[in-house]
């Protein structure tokens, strides 16, 4: 079987958690939602970020 490749089913994409602002307001409009996992393009990398900070002033823009 030299040169034979097996086609394995690709795993279903796991959703990731994201902070999302969809309306104007204070910090209370920051929602944590599940979104599709992005696919990196050529020359790009996808990093797993376990924690991230949010500046208070950024919630008002």
C-alpha atoms as a PDB file:
ATOM      1  CA  UNK A   1       0.000   0.000   0.000  1.00  0.00           C
ATOM      2  CA  UNK A   2       2.785   2.382  -0.654  1.00  0.00           C
ATOM      3  CA  UNK A   3       1.588   5.853  -1.633  1.00  0.00           C
ATOM      4  CA  UNK A   4      -1.984   5.238  -0.412  1.00  0.00           C
ATOM      5  CA  UNK A   5      -3.525   7.925   1.785  1.00  0.00           C
ATOM      6  CA  UNK A   6      -6.549   7.529   3.981  1.00  0.00           C
ATOM      7  CA  UNK A   7      -9.135  10.302   3.971  1.00  0.00           C
ATOM      8  CA  UNK A   8     -10.192  10.876   7.560  1.00  0.00           C
ATOM      9  CA  UNK A   9     -13.302  12.885   8.357  1.00  0.00           C
ATOM     10  CA  UNK A  10     -12.413  16.351   9.543  1.00  0.00           C
ATOM     11  CA  UNK A  11     -13.544  17.133  13.076  1.00  0.00           C
ATOM     12  CA  UNK A  12     -16.480  19.476  13.408  1.00  0.00           C
ATOM     13  CA  UNK A  13     -15.309  23.001  14.229  1.00  0.00           C
ATOM     14  CA  UNK A  14     -15.495  23.759  17.918  1.00  0.00           C
ATOM     15  CA  UNK A  15     -17.100  27.114  18.701  1.00  0.00           C
ATOM     16  CA  UNK A  16     -15.013  29.591  20.642  1.00  0.00           C
ATOM     17  CA  UNK A  17     -16.099  32.115  23.270  1.00  0.00           C
ATOM     18  CA  UNK A  18     -15.840  35.803  22.396  1.00  0.00           C
ATOM     19  CA  UNK A  19     -16.691  39.129  23.959  1.00  0.00           C
ATOM     20  CA  UNK A  20     -19.086  40.909  21.628  1.00  0.00           C
ATOM     21  CA  UNK A  21     -20.604  44.394  21.712  1.00  0.00           C
ATOM     22  CA  UNK A  22     -23.642  44.793  19.431  1.00  0.00           C
ATOM     23  CA  UNK A  23     -25.253  47.916  20.876  1.00  0.00           C
ATOM     24  CA  UNK A  24     -24.296  51.206  22.538  1.00  0.00           C
ATOM     25  CA  UNK A  25     -24.000  51.416  26.303  1.00  0.00           C
ATOM     26  CA  UNK A  26     -21.747  50.772  29.242  1.00  0.00           C
ATOM     27  CA  UNK A  27     -19.980  47.597  30.319  1.00  0.00           C
ATOM     28  CA  UNK A  28     -23.331  45.812  30.607  1.00  0.00           C
ATOM     29  CA  UNK A  29     -23.560  45.570  26.791  1.00  0.00           C
ATOM     30  CA  UNK A  30     -20.471  43.332  26.591  1.00  0.00           C
ATOM     31  CA  UNK A  31     -21.887  39.855  25.930  1.00  0.00           C
ATOM     32  CA  UNK A  32     -19.946  36.578  25.999  1.00  0.00           C
ATOM     33  CA  UNK A  33     -21.089  34.510  23.016  1.00  0.00           C
ATOM     34  CA  UNK A  34     -20.118  31.346  21.114  1.00  0.00           C
ATOM     35  CA  UNK A  35     -18.821  32.087  17.604  1.00  0.00           C
ATOM     36  CA  UNK A  36     -17.394  29.828  14.886  1.00  0.00           C
ATOM     37  CA  UNK A  37     -13.663  29.147  15.181  1.00  0.00           C
ATOM     38  CA  UNK A  38     -11.807  31.174  12.522  1.00  0.00           C
ATOM     39  CA  UNK A  39      -9.613  29.445   9.968  1.00  0.00           C
ATOM     40  CA  UNK A  40      -6.181  31.029   9.503  1.00  0.00           C
ATOM     41  CA  UNK A  41      -5.167  31.905   5.948  1.00  0.00           C
ATOM     42  CA  UNK A  42      -1.778  31.533   4.295  1.00  0.00           C
ATOM     43  CA  UNK A  43       0.966  32.990   6.461  1.00  0.00           C
ATOM     44  CA  UNK A  44      -1.379  33.413   9.452  1.00  0.00           C
ATOM     45  CA  UNK A  45      -1.558  31.632  12.801  1.00  0.00           C
ATOM     46  CA  UNK A  46      -4.422  31.023  15.196  1.00  0.00           C
ATOM     47  CA  UNK A  47      -3.584  31.441  18.887  1.00  0.00           C
ATOM     48  CA  UNK A  48      -5.502  30.105  21.871  1.00  0.00           C
ATOM     49  CA  UNK A  49      -6.038  33.033  24.269  1.00  0.00           C
ATOM     50  CA  UNK A  50      -7.219  31.885  27.684  1.00  0.00           C
ATOM     51  CA  UNK A  51      -7.608  35.341  29.271  1.00  0.00           C
ATOM     52  CA  UNK A  52      -7.695  38.901  27.957  1.00  0.00           C
ATOM     53  CA  UNK A  53      -8.213  42.309  29.471  1.00  0.00           C
ATOM     54  CA  UNK A  54     -10.795  44.900  28.472  1.00  0.00           C
ATOM     55  CA  UNK A  55     -10.134  48.585  29.095  1.00  0.00           C
ATOM     56  CA  UNK A  56     -13.051  50.322  30.806  1.00  0.00           C
ATOM     57  CA  UNK A  57     -12.905  53.216  28.328  1.00  0.00           C
ATOM     58  CA  UNK A  58     -13.191  50.821  25.354  1.00  0.00           C
ATOM     59  CA  UNK A  59     -16.666  49.737  26.450  1.00  0.00           C
ATOM     60  CA  UNK A  60     -17.952  53.239  25.636  1.00  0.00           C
ATOM     61  CA  UNK A  61     -16.747  53.399  21.985  1.00  0.00           C
END
